[in-house]
Amino acid sequence: MSKQKKIPEFHSEAEERAYWETHDSSEHLDWTQARLVSMPNLKPSTKTISLRLPEGLLDRIKIEANKRDMPYQSLIKAWLAEDVEGRRR
């Protein structure tokens, strides 16, 4: 049997936020009641786009991806994410 703490009643969203910032939510769960869940209809969080690149550039990207042992699309995504994050700072 698991020891489960009761979730307190909150009077505001700020009060609840402050509580969860300092408490572990696992103290309030009863894992003996957990069930496996399947969600087959979830949609992917990615969107397919079409991007035209010069063949030479794509070839160089594929070579870099091969050196890193990763798909070239993943390398492009990583580079884009790094650049966008760097510009936000």
C-alpha atoms as a PDB file:
ATOM      1  CA  MET A   1       0.000   0.000   0.000  1.00  0.00           C
ATOM      2  CA  SER A   2       1.377   3.428  -0.873  1.00  0.00           C
ATOM      3  CA  LYS A   3       1.322   6.479   1.372  1.00  0.00           C
ATOM      4  CA  GLN A   4      -0.399   9.214  -0.536  1.00  0.00           C
ATOM      5  CA  LYS A   5      -0.626  12.846   0.552  1.00  0.00           C
ATOM      6  CA  LYS A   6      -3.891  14.700   0.021  1.00  0.00           C
ATOM      7  CA  ILE A   7      -3.700  17.591  -2.446  1.00  0.00           C
ATOM      8  CA  PRO A   8      -4.603  20.785  -0.578  1.00  0.00           C
ATOM      9  CA  GLU A   9      -7.385  23.080  -1.691  1.00  0.00           C
ATOM     10  CA  PHE A  10      -6.025  26.176  -3.416  1.00  0.00           C
ATOM     11  CA  HIS A  11      -7.669  29.597  -3.400  1.00  0.00           C
ATOM     12  CA  SER A  12      -5.848  30.919  -6.455  1.00  0.00           C
ATOM     13  CA  GLU A  13      -3.748  29.771  -9.355  1.00  0.00           C
ATOM     14  CA  ALA A  14      -0.755  31.614  -7.857  1.00  0.00           C
ATOM     15  CA  GLU A  15      -1.153  29.677  -4.595  1.00  0.00           C
ATOM     16  CA  GLU A  16      -1.313  26.392  -6.481  1.00  0.00           C
ATOM     17  CA  ARG A  17       1.726  27.312  -8.599  1.00  0.00           C
ATOM     18  CA  ALA A  18       3.727  28.169  -5.467  1.00  0.00           C
ATOM     19  CA  TYR A  19       2.762  24.829  -3.910  1.00  0.00           C
ATOM     20  CA  TRP A  20       3.821  22.728  -6.904  1.00  0.00           C
ATOM     21  CA  GLU A  21       7.087  24.650  -7.238  1.00  0.00           C
ATOM     22  CA  THR A  22       8.102  23.372  -3.797  1.00  0.00           C
ATOM     23  CA  HIS A  23       6.434  19.933  -3.602  1.00  0.00           C
ATOM     24  CA  ASP A  24       6.967  16.682  -5.452  1.00  0.00           C
ATOM     25  CA  SER A  25       3.803  15.576  -7.253  1.00  0.00           C
ATOM     26  CA  SER A  26       4.772  11.902  -6.833  1.00  0.00           C
ATOM     27  CA  GLU A  27       3.914  12.222  -3.120  1.00  0.00           C
ATOM     28  CA  HIS A  28       0.286  12.631  -4.178  1.00  0.00           C
ATOM     29  CA  LEU A  29       0.060   9.664  -6.555  1.00  0.00           C
ATOM     30  CA  ASP A  30      -1.072   6.157  -5.774  1.00  0.00           C
ATOM     31  CA  TRP A  31       0.855   4.081  -8.289  1.00  0.00           C
ATOM     32  CA  THR A  32      -1.128   0.966  -7.334  1.00  0.00           C
ATOM     33  CA  GLN A  33      -4.058   2.565  -9.193  1.00  0.00           C
ATOM     34  CA  ALA A  34      -2.015   3.291 -12.351  1.00  0.00           C
ATOM     35  CA  ARG A  35      -3.159   1.776 -15.632  1.00  0.00           C
ATOM     36  CA  LEU A  36      -1.432   1.487 -18.997  1.00  0.00           C
ATOM     37  CA  VAL A  37      -2.968   3.829 -21.558  1.00  0.00           C
ATOM     38  CA  SER A  38      -2.820   3.671 -25.335  1.00  0.00           C
ATOM     39  CA  MET A  39      -3.387   6.823 -27.389  1.00  0.00           C
ATOM     40  CA  PRO A  40      -3.296   5.662 -31.007  1.00  0.00           C
ATOM     41  CA  ASN A  41      -4.962   8.771 -32.453  1.00  0.00           C
ATOM     42  CA  LEU A  42      -2.443  11.347 -31.235  1.00  0.00           C
ATOM     43  CA  LYS A  43      -1.261  13.570 -34.041  1.00  0.00           C
ATOM     44  CA  PRO A  44       2.451  14.208 -34.480  1.00  0.00           C
ATOM     45  CA  SER A  45       3.663  17.549 -33.213  1.00  0.00           C
ATOM     46  CA  THR A  46       5.669  18.160 -36.365  1.00  0.00           C
ATOM     47  CA  LYS A  47       4.591  19.705 -39.638  1.00  0.00           C
ATOM     48  CA  THR A  48       5.905  18.654 -43.008  1.00  0.00           C
ATOM     49  CA  ILE A  49       7.277  21.431 -45.183  1.00  0.00           C
ATOM     50  CA  SER A  50       8.828  21.612 -48.608  1.00  0.00           C
ATOM     51  CA  LEU A  51      12.209  23.326 -48.777  1.00  0.00           C
ATOM     52  CA  ARG A  52      14.096  23.846 -52.020  1.00  0.00           C
ATOM     53  CA  LEU A  53      17.878  23.775 -51.642  1.00  0.00           C
ATOM     54  CA  PRO A  54      20.632  23.936 -54.218  1.00  0.00           C
ATOM     55  CA  GLU A  55      21.901  20.409 -54.923  1.00  0.00           C
ATOM     56  CA  GLY A  56      25.434  21.286 -53.891  1.00  0.00           C
ATOM     57  CA  LEU A  57      24.275  22.603 -50.520  1.00  0.00           C
ATOM     58  CA  LEU A  58      22.157  19.507 -49.910  1.00  0.00           C
ATOM     59  CA  ASP A  59      25.111  17.284 -50.808  1.00  0.00           C
ATOM     60  CA  ARG A  60      27.340  19.113 -48.299  1.00  0.00           C
ATOM     61  CA  ILE A  61      24.641  18.812 -45.620  1.00  0.00           C
ATOM     62  CA  LYS A  62      24.347  15.080 -46.288  1.00  0.00           C
ATOM     63  CA  ILE A  63      28.128  14.685 -45.967  1.00  0.00           C
ATOM     64  CA  GLU A  64      28.080  16.525 -42.604  1.00  0.00           C
ATOM     65  CA  ALA A  65      25.152  14.398 -41.421  1.00  0.00           C
ATOM     66  CA  ASN A  66      26.972  11.232 -42.465  1.00  0.00           C
ATOM     67  CA  LYS A  67      30.052  12.313 -40.461  1.00  0.00           C
ATOM     68  CA  ARG A  68      27.801  12.681 -37.422  1.00  0.00           C
ATOM     69  CA  ASP A  69      25.943   9.432 -38.149  1.00  0.00           C
ATOM     70  CA  MET A  70      22.540  11.103 -38.253  1.00  0.00           C
ATOM     71  CA  PRO A  71      19.829  11.670 -40.863  1.00  0.00           C
ATOM     72  CA  TYR A  72      20.379  14.874 -42.826  1.00  0.00           C
ATOM     73  CA  GLN A  73      16.867  16.114 -41.994  1.00  0.00           C
ATOM     74  CA  SER A  74      17.677  15.819 -38.278  1.00  0.00           C
ATOM     75  CA  LEU A  75      20.897  17.769 -38.773  1.00  0.00           C
ATOM     76  CA  ILE A  76      19.020  20.544 -40.593  1.00  0.00           C
ATOM     77  CA  LYS A  77      16.471  20.695 -37.739  1.00  0.00           C
ATOM     78  CA  ALA A  78      19.261  20.826 -35.142  1.00  0.00           C
ATOM     79  CA  TRP A  79      21.052  23.624 -36.994  1.00  0.00           C
ATOM     80  CA  LEU A  80      17.832  25.612 -37.402  1.00  0.00           C
ATOM     81  CA  ALA A  81      16.952  25.185 -33.719  1.00  0.00           C
ATOM     82  CA  GLU A  82      20.460  26.299 -32.644  1.00  0.00           C
ATOM     83  CA  ASP A  83      20.329  29.352 -34.887  1.00  0.00           C
ATOM     84  CA  VAL A  84      16.857  30.419 -33.761  1.00  0.00           C
ATOM     85  CA  GLU A  85      17.743  29.909 -30.091  1.00  0.00           C
ATOM     86  CA  GLY A  86      21.005  31.814 -30.535  1.00  0.00           C
ATOM     87  CA  ARG A  87      19.192  34.776 -32.086  1.00  0.00           C
ATOM     88  CA  ARG A  88      16.647  34.877 -29.243  1.00  0.00           C
ATOM     89  CA  ARG A  89      19.399  35.543 -26.678  1.00  0.00           C
END
